[in-house]
Protein backbone atom coordinates (compact mmCIF):
# COMPACT_ATOMS: atom_id res chain seq x y z
CA MET A 1 120.09 143.49 128.87
CA SER A 2 117.27 142.36 126.57
CA GLU A 3 115.45 139.13 127.44
CA LEU A 4 115.58 138.07 123.78
CA ALA A 5 117.70 134.99 123.13
CA ILE A 6 119.32 136.63 120.12
CA LEU A 7 120.73 139.27 122.46
CA GLY A 8 121.80 136.93 125.23
CA GLY A 9 118.57 136.04 127.02
CA ALA A 10 117.10 132.59 127.65
CA LYS A 11 115.43 130.68 124.81
CA THR A 12 111.67 130.35 124.93
CA CYS A 13 111.69 126.83 123.49
CA LYS A 14 113.88 124.53 125.57
CA ASP A 15 113.20 121.34 123.59
CA ASP A 16 113.87 120.75 119.91
CA TYR A 17 110.91 120.35 117.61
CA PRO A 18 110.38 116.95 115.91
CA LYS A 19 112.79 116.18 113.07
CA TRP A 20 111.78 115.70 109.46
CA PRO A 21 111.57 113.36 107.68
CA VAL A 22 110.47 110.74 110.17
CA HIS A 23 111.43 107.12 109.60
CA ASP A 24 111.18 103.74 111.22
CA GLU A 25 111.69 100.07 110.45
CA ARG A 26 109.01 100.14 107.73
CA ASP A 27 111.19 102.38 105.55
CA ILE A 28 114.15 100.04 105.92
CA GLU A 29 111.97 97.04 105.11
CA ALA A 30 110.50 98.76 102.04
CA VAL A 31 113.89 99.70 100.59
CA THR A 32 115.30 96.27 101.42
CA ARG A 33 112.39 94.64 99.60
CA VAL A 34 113.19 96.62 96.45
CA ILE A 35 116.92 95.95 96.70
CA LYS A 36 116.30 92.21 96.96
CA SER A 37 113.90 92.31 94.02
CA GLY A 38 116.61 93.58 91.68
CA GLN A 39 114.11 96.04 90.18
CA TRP A 40 115.68 99.30 91.39
CA GLY A 41 115.08 101.69 88.53
CA GLY A 42 112.02 103.12 86.82
CA TYR A 43 112.04 100.96 83.69
CA PRO A 44 109.79 99.34 82.66
CA TYR A 45 107.36 102.07 83.72
CA PRO A 46 105.42 101.90 85.93
CA GLY A 47 107.07 99.45 88.27
CA LYS A 48 105.17 97.63 91.01
CA GLU A 49 106.02 100.14 93.76
CA THR A 50 105.35 103.10 91.47
CA LYS A 51 101.91 101.86 90.44
CA ARG A 52 101.02 101.10 94.05
CA PHE A 53 101.86 104.64 95.11
CA ILE A 54 100.00 106.25 92.21
CA ASP A 55 96.88 104.25 93.06
CA SER A 56 97.15 105.10 96.78
CA PHE A 57 97.72 108.80 96.14
CA LEU A 58 94.76 109.06 93.76
CA ALA A 59 92.57 107.26 96.31
CA MET A 60 93.58 109.86 98.90
CA GLN A 61 93.65 113.05 96.80
CA GLY A 62 91.15 112.23 94.10
CA GLY A 63 91.60 112.16 90.33
CA ASN A 64 91.59 109.27 87.88
CA TYR A 65 95.06 109.42 86.32
CA GLY A 66 98.49 109.93 87.85
CA VAL A 67 102.08 109.90 86.60
CA LEU A 68 104.95 109.60 89.08
CA MET A 69 108.25 111.17 88.03
CA MET A 70 111.57 112.46 89.30
CA ASN A 71 110.54 115.76 90.93
CA GLY A 72 107.88 118.44 91.27
CA THR A 73 109.48 120.79 88.76
CA VAL A 74 109.41 118.46 85.78
CA THR A 75 105.80 117.65 86.65
CA MET A 76 104.85 121.19 85.56
CA GLU A 77 107.10 121.11 82.49
CA VAL A 78 105.62 117.76 81.46
CA ALA A 79 102.07 119.02 82.00
CA LEU A 80 102.72 121.98 79.69
CA ARG A 81 104.27 119.76 77.04
CA ALA A 82 101.45 117.21 77.30
CA ALA A 83 98.98 120.05 76.72
CA GLY A 84 100.87 121.18 73.60
CA ILE A 85 102.13 124.40 75.16
CA GLY A 86 105.56 125.60 74.08
CA TRP A 87 107.40 128.17 72.01
CA GLY A 88 106.04 131.71 72.39
CA ASP A 89 103.05 130.69 74.51
CA GLU A 90 102.47 132.72 77.66
CA VAL A 91 101.92 131.04 81.03
CA LEU A 92 100.72 133.06 84.01
CA VAL A 93 102.59 132.36 87.26
CA PRO A 94 102.43 134.03 90.69
CA ALA A 95 105.25 136.31 91.80
CA TYR A 96 105.39 134.80 95.28
CA THR A 97 106.44 131.15 94.98
CA PHE A 98 109.48 128.92 94.52
CA GLN A 99 111.42 129.59 91.31
CA ALA A 100 110.39 126.23 89.81
CA THR A 101 106.91 127.55 89.02
CA ALA A 102 108.41 130.13 86.65
CA ALA A 103 111.31 127.96 85.46
CA ALA A 104 109.07 125.11 84.28
CA PRO A 105 107.39 127.11 81.47
CA MET A 106 110.82 128.20 80.21
CA ALA A 107 111.96 124.57 80.10
CA ALA A 108 108.95 123.87 77.88
CA GLY A 109 109.84 126.85 75.66
CA ALA A 110 107.05 129.06 76.98
CA ILE A 111 107.11 132.52 78.57
CA PRO A 112 106.41 132.85 82.30
CA VAL A 113 104.30 135.97 82.85
CA ILE A 114 104.68 137.06 86.48
CA VAL A 115 101.51 138.13 88.28
CA ASP A 116 101.03 139.59 91.77
CA VAL A 117 99.26 137.79 94.61
CA ASP A 118 96.27 138.36 96.87
CA PRO A 119 97.19 139.99 100.22
CA ASN A 120 94.75 137.76 102.12
CA SER A 121 96.20 134.45 100.95
CA TYR A 122 99.52 135.29 99.24
CA CYS A 123 98.24 133.07 96.41
CA LEU A 124 97.75 134.17 92.80
CA ASP A 125 95.34 137.10 92.51
CA PRO A 126 92.66 136.14 89.92
CA LYS A 127 92.01 139.81 89.07
CA ALA A 128 95.69 140.47 88.43
CA ALA A 129 95.84 137.28 86.39
CA GLU A 130 92.94 138.35 84.16
CA ALA A 131 94.58 141.73 83.59
CA ALA A 132 97.71 139.95 82.35
CA ILE A 133 95.93 137.74 79.79
CA THR A 134 96.76 138.36 76.13
CA ASP A 135 96.01 136.53 72.91
CA LYS A 136 99.19 134.48 73.56
CA THR A 137 98.17 133.26 77.01
CA ARG A 138 97.66 129.50 76.99
CA ALA A 139 97.96 128.40 80.61
CA ILE A 140 97.89 129.50 84.22
CA ILE A 141 99.72 127.93 87.17
CA PRO A 142 98.03 128.81 90.48
CA VAL A 143 100.15 127.89 93.51
CA HIS A 144 98.54 126.72 96.74
CA LEU A 145 100.90 128.39 99.18
CA GLY A 146 101.62 127.63 102.83
CA ALA A 147 98.34 126.68 104.46
CA GLN A 148 96.28 128.52 101.83
CA MET A 149 94.68 127.66 98.50
CA THR A 150 94.18 129.88 95.47
CA ASP A 151 90.57 130.85 94.72
CA MET A 152 89.97 127.95 92.36
CA ASP A 153 86.42 129.04 91.52
CA ALA A 154 87.78 132.27 90.06
CA ILE A 155 90.69 130.50 88.34
CA MET A 156 88.43 127.99 86.62
CA GLU A 157 86.12 130.80 85.50
CA LEU A 158 89.13 132.45 83.84
CA ALA A 159 90.10 129.15 82.26
CA GLU A 160 86.61 128.71 80.81
CA LYS A 161 86.40 132.32 79.63
CA TYR A 162 89.81 132.43 77.93
CA ASN A 163 90.29 128.75 77.06
CA LEU A 164 93.30 128.25 79.35
CA ILE A 165 94.97 125.12 80.66
CA VAL A 166 95.17 125.14 84.48
CA ILE A 167 98.09 123.43 86.20
CA GLU A 168 97.72 123.52 89.98
CA ASP A 169 101.08 123.73 91.76
CA CYS A 170 100.30 121.65 94.85
CA ALA A 171 103.82 121.30 96.25
CA HIS A 172 102.44 122.62 99.57
CA ALA A 173 99.00 121.04 99.32
CA HIS A 174 99.09 117.26 99.81
CA GLY A 175 95.68 116.39 101.25
CA ALA A 176 94.20 119.89 100.84
CA LYS A 177 90.64 120.28 99.56
CA TRP A 178 88.57 123.05 97.98
CA ARG A 179 84.80 122.59 98.36
CA GLY A 180 85.60 119.00 99.34
CA GLN A 181 87.53 118.36 96.11
CA GLY A 182 91.20 117.50 96.31
CA ALA A 183 93.78 120.10 95.36
CA GLY A 184 95.25 119.15 92.00
CA THR A 185 92.03 117.61 90.72
CA ILE A 186 90.19 120.87 89.95
CA GLY A 187 92.35 122.09 87.08
CA HIS A 188 93.54 120.09 84.09
CA PHE A 189 96.66 119.01 85.98
CA GLY A 190 97.86 118.91 89.58
CA SER A 191 101.59 118.95 90.35
CA PHE A 192 102.85 117.54 93.68
CA SER A 193 106.42 117.58 95.00
CA MET A 194 107.96 114.86 97.15
CA GLN A 195 111.23 116.75 97.77
CA SER A 196 112.99 116.35 101.13
CA SER A 197 111.15 119.05 103.08
CA LYS A 198 107.67 118.28 101.73
CA ILE A 199 105.09 116.68 103.99
CA MET A 200 105.15 113.50 101.91
CA THR A 201 108.68 112.74 100.81
CA ALA A 202 111.10 110.21 99.36
CA GLY A 203 113.93 112.75 99.22
CA GLU A 204 112.92 113.64 95.66
CA GLY A 205 109.95 112.84 93.47
CA GLY A 206 106.88 114.38 91.90
CA LEU A 207 103.40 113.23 90.97
CA LEU A 208 101.24 114.72 88.23
CA ILE A 209 97.48 114.25 88.40
CA CYS A 210 95.90 114.49 84.93
CA LYS A 211 92.26 115.29 84.23
CA SER A 212 92.04 113.20 81.06
CA GLU A 213 93.39 109.82 80.00
CA GLU A 214 94.87 111.32 76.83
CA MET A 215 96.86 113.88 78.81
CA ALA A 216 98.06 111.14 81.18
CA LEU A 217 99.21 108.97 78.27
CA GLN A 218 101.06 111.93 76.75
CA ALA A 219 102.71 112.72 80.10
CA THR A 220 103.70 109.10 80.65
CA SER A 221 105.28 108.93 77.21
CA ILE A 222 107.19 112.16 77.79
CA ILE A 223 108.76 110.87 81.03
CA ASP A 224 109.51 107.42 79.59
CA CYS A 225 111.79 108.47 76.70
CA GLY A 226 108.85 108.87 74.32
CA ARG A 227 107.63 105.28 74.51
CA PRO A 228 103.91 104.85 73.76
CA HIS A 229 101.68 103.82 76.66
CA ASP A 230 98.32 103.70 74.92
CA ALA A 231 96.60 100.38 74.21
CA LYS A 232 97.52 100.42 70.50
CA GLY A 233 101.12 101.46 71.13
CA GLU A 234 100.85 104.40 68.73
CA MET A 235 101.00 107.52 70.94
CA MET A 236 104.71 108.37 70.95
CA THR A 237 106.28 111.69 71.98
CA MET A 238 109.67 113.36 71.99
CA GLY A 239 110.45 112.28 75.54
CA ALA A 240 113.23 111.96 78.07
CA ASN A 241 114.00 109.87 81.13
CA TYR A 242 112.11 111.59 83.93
CA ARG A 243 111.12 108.35 85.62
CA VAL A 244 111.24 107.85 89.38
CA SER A 245 113.10 104.89 90.87
CA GLU A 246 111.38 102.00 92.59
CA LEU A 247 113.43 102.78 95.71
CA GLN A 248 111.81 106.22 95.95
CA ALA A 249 108.36 104.82 95.24
CA ALA A 250 108.82 102.26 98.03
CA LEU A 251 109.59 105.07 100.51
CA LEU A 252 106.53 106.96 99.32
CA ASN A 253 104.36 103.92 99.94
CA VAL A 254 105.40 104.04 103.58
CA ALA A 255 105.04 107.83 103.75
CA ILE A 256 101.44 107.73 102.55
CA GLU A 257 100.58 105.25 105.32
CA ARG A 258 101.75 107.77 107.91
CA PHE A 259 100.27 110.79 106.18
CA PRO A 260 96.62 110.82 107.37
CA ALA A 261 97.52 110.97 111.06
CA GLN A 262 100.22 113.58 110.45
CA ALA A 263 97.89 115.72 108.34
CA LYS A 264 95.11 115.56 110.92
CA GLN A 265 97.48 116.63 113.71
CA ARG A 266 98.93 119.51 111.68
CA GLU A 267 95.51 120.82 110.69
CA ALA A 268 94.20 120.71 114.27
CA MET A 269 97.26 122.53 115.57
CA ALA A 270 97.02 125.12 112.78
CA ALA A 271 93.48 125.94 113.92
CA TYR A 272 94.82 126.27 117.46
CA MET A 273 97.57 128.54 116.12
CA ASP A 274 94.99 130.74 114.35
CA GLU A 275 93.28 131.48 117.66
CA ALA A 276 96.47 131.92 119.65
CA LEU A 277 98.12 134.30 117.16
CA SER A 278 95.04 136.52 117.05
CA GLU A 279 95.90 137.55 120.60
CA VAL A 280 99.37 138.86 119.66
CA SER A 281 99.49 142.58 118.92
CA GLY A 282 100.61 143.45 115.41
CA VAL A 283 99.90 140.01 113.92
CA ARG A 284 97.52 139.44 111.00
CA VAL A 285 96.34 135.84 110.66
CA LEU A 286 95.66 135.13 106.99
CA PRO A 287 91.90 134.53 106.72
CA ARG A 288 90.76 131.07 105.74
CA ASP A 289 88.33 130.96 102.82
CA GLU A 290 85.28 128.92 103.86
CA ARG A 291 85.51 127.07 100.53
CA HIS A 292 88.92 125.77 101.61
CA THR A 293 87.44 122.79 103.41
CA THR A 294 90.63 120.90 104.34
CA ARG A 295 93.95 122.61 104.97
CA SER A 296 97.39 121.13 104.37
CA ILE A 297 100.16 122.50 106.58
CA TYR A 298 103.51 122.39 104.82
CA ARG A 299 104.31 125.89 106.04
CA TYR A 300 102.08 128.24 108.03
CA ILE A 301 102.27 131.91 107.03
CA PHE A 302 101.11 134.96 108.94
CA ALA A 303 101.78 138.67 108.52
CA VAL A 304 103.26 141.15 110.96
CA ASP A 305 102.73 144.90 111.11
CA PRO A 306 106.25 146.39 111.11
CA GLN A 307 105.02 149.55 112.80
CA GLU A 308 103.47 147.70 115.73
CA PHE A 309 106.49 145.41 116.05
CA GLY A 310 109.01 148.17 115.53
CA ALA A 311 110.79 145.91 113.05
CA GLU A 312 110.39 144.08 109.77
CA ASN A 313 110.09 140.36 109.18
CA ASP A 314 113.82 139.63 108.77
CA VAL A 315 114.52 140.95 112.28
CA ILE A 316 111.49 139.12 113.70
CA CYS A 317 112.44 135.81 112.05
CA ALA A 318 116.04 136.08 113.26
CA ALA A 319 114.79 136.65 116.79
CA LEU A 320 112.27 133.78 116.52
CA HIS A 321 114.97 131.44 115.25
CA MET A 322 117.17 132.15 118.25
CA GLU A 323 114.20 131.54 120.55
CA GLY A 324 114.17 128.00 119.14
CA ILE A 325 111.28 128.49 116.70
CA PRO A 326 111.93 127.20 113.15
CA CYS A 327 110.85 129.94 110.75
CA TRP A 328 111.68 131.89 107.61
CA GLU A 329 110.70 135.17 105.97
CA GLY A 330 109.66 133.43 102.74
CA TYR A 331 110.39 133.63 99.04
CA GLU A 332 111.74 136.68 97.27
CA PRO A 333 109.42 138.18 94.62
CA MET A 334 110.04 136.41 91.31
CA ASN A 335 111.37 139.58 89.66
CA ASN A 336 114.06 139.82 92.35
CA TYR A 337 114.62 136.16 93.16
CA GLU A 338 118.23 135.06 93.44
CA LEU A 339 117.35 131.56 92.21
CA PHE A 340 115.41 132.79 89.16
CA GLN A 341 117.98 134.12 86.70
CA PRO A 342 116.54 133.52 83.21
CA LYS A 343 119.09 135.81 81.54
CA LEU A 344 121.90 133.54 82.76
CA SER A 345 120.31 130.65 80.90
CA LYS A 346 121.08 129.73 77.30
CA LEU A 347 117.43 128.90 76.79
CA PRO A 348 116.22 131.17 73.97
CA VAL A 349 113.08 132.43 75.70
CA PRO A 350 114.54 135.51 77.48
CA SER A 351 116.43 136.74 74.41
CA ALA A 352 113.52 136.11 72.04
CA PHE A 353 110.94 137.80 74.30
CA PRO A 354 112.92 140.42 76.28
CA GLU A 355 109.83 142.51 77.03
CA HIS A 356 108.71 139.84 79.53
CA PHE A 357 111.97 139.88 81.47
CA LYS A 358 112.38 143.56 82.34
CA PHE A 359 112.39 142.77 86.03
CA ASP A 360 113.62 146.22 87.11
CA GLU A 361 110.46 147.74 85.67
CA MET A 362 108.04 145.29 87.29
CA ARG A 363 105.89 146.45 90.19
CA LEU A 364 104.51 143.65 92.36
CA PRO A 365 103.47 145.50 95.52
CA VAL A 366 101.81 142.66 97.46
CA SER A 367 104.62 140.18 96.81
CA GLU A 368 107.25 142.80 97.56
CA ARG A 369 105.60 143.78 100.82
CA ALA A 370 105.24 140.14 101.88
CA CYS A 371 108.89 139.43 101.24
CA GLU A 372 110.44 142.66 102.48
CA TYR A 373 108.24 143.58 105.43
CA GLU A 374 105.50 141.34 106.72
CA ALA A 375 105.48 137.59 105.97
CA VAL A 376 106.62 135.07 108.58
CA TRP A 377 106.70 131.38 107.65
CA LEU A 378 106.57 128.73 110.39
CA ASP A 379 107.87 125.21 109.73
CA GLU A 380 105.55 122.22 109.76
CA ASN A 381 107.25 120.50 112.71
CA ILE A 382 105.82 123.12 115.07
CA PHE A 383 102.43 121.57 114.32
CA ARG A 384 103.61 118.03 115.08
CA ALA A 385 104.72 119.07 118.57
CA GLY A 386 101.20 119.36 119.99
CA SER A 387 99.72 122.37 121.72
CA GLU A 388 102.93 122.94 123.70
CA GLY A 389 104.83 123.43 120.45
CA VAL A 390 102.32 126.02 119.28
CA ASP A 391 102.28 127.70 122.70
CA ASP A 392 106.07 128.08 122.62
CA ALA A 393 105.98 129.67 119.17
CA VAL A 394 103.26 132.14 120.17
CA ALA A 395 104.99 132.96 123.49
CA ALA A 396 108.25 133.64 121.65
CA LEU A 397 106.50 135.92 119.17
CA ALA A 398 104.71 137.84 121.94
CA LYS A 399 108.02 138.22 123.78
CA ILE A 400 109.65 139.60 120.64
CA GLN A 401 106.77 141.98 119.95
CA ALA A 402 106.81 143.36 123.49
CA THR A 403 110.57 143.90 123.40
CA LEU A 404 111.05 145.31 119.91
CA SER A 405 108.04 147.62 120.01
CA SER A 406 109.39 149.32 123.13
CA ASP A 407 113.16 149.10 122.62
CA SER A 408 114.58 150.55 119.41
CA GLY A 409 118.05 149.75 120.69
CA ALA A 410 117.26 146.02 120.59
CA VAL A 411 116.11 146.39 116.96
CA ALA A 412 119.35 148.17 116.05
CA ASP A 413 121.42 145.49 117.81
CA ILE A 414 119.69 142.68 115.88
CA LYS A 415 120.13 144.52 112.58
CA ARG A 416 123.85 144.83 113.31
CA LEU A 417 124.04 141.09 113.95
CA LEU A 418 122.22 140.39 110.69
CA SER A 419 124.48 142.70 108.68
CA SER A 420 127.57 141.08 110.18
CA LYS A 421 126.20 137.58 109.32
CA THR A 422 126.48 136.60 113.00
CA VAL A 423 122.89 135.30 112.84
CA GLU A 424 121.50 133.43 109.83
């Protein structure tokens, strides 16, 4: 019988990894303080807790202007609208990311143009992005993915050359830095998510860093039902209620106190993981660009060679999961993403511009290979478990590689379990 846990053997990891989100008495005190104040909602904007968090986040990440709102999807929609981007404008987005990156342009009335990613980082490929630029292209949304950052030097060169607005999707990049500059402060906007799984969370929430005061005032008006927020009270917009509640902001004010120590631990353990994984046959550690001076570890991604493992990433992730290692094979390519179904929407963009939504004809080889064959995503809690947590993950992977590469019967057995839905 195989030693793999998925086939009846003993688990590699005997102890559970740390839970997320963490909480203690400070969270209870913060929420209680807001409840007693009677100021629960987001109006008038910004409330005391909201302003405190914006100021703290900007002090940590950099940037001069921030707008806190309900989630990290509307942050990107609001950024596009604040920049005057809408009907018929094209927005370049990577093929390998959460569906929100492509859905946000549609919500603003723009066209998401799907671009392939770089095999070394799985982030937007600047060369592929330039090849996709037309006279209708107005913006580009690079996504800092996993523990990687997009080549922001190349992206900003494109922006300068073609007069594009850059909205950094930093949902994975709280605390990350490029050449010492905070992620989200390099482009014209930086979008951060505070959704439940993110490494700074209030359950939901999103913060938009804006390069200019004018853009920040526009964004603030948009999320506050169109109310003006400039000194003269004249800059109104067609807005909606995208405000965050003071209860969420209070939780974020506690989360940001914990964040520096958590981020430091994750980054140190990710460096340890880099070295340890390099010893496992068939594993490709994604190279770290030397300009990426501080890493943020929301998820850690590496690639496997299916030939050396004798199996693809879905089999490997299923086996890892049963060994007690929290993992995932990652997003589907945007042209084949179950959660991205623009033709099911009544938004007019897909019907008005059908040529951009011929997903069956799209070829996105790097994204497709990452999703279907090689990418393995490890959860952040592995990196809060110290070196023992990393050691367990690497030992489990080595065990799987040794077994699957030499036993095709074990691979077939796992595939049968996956097809029967016995293992998720």
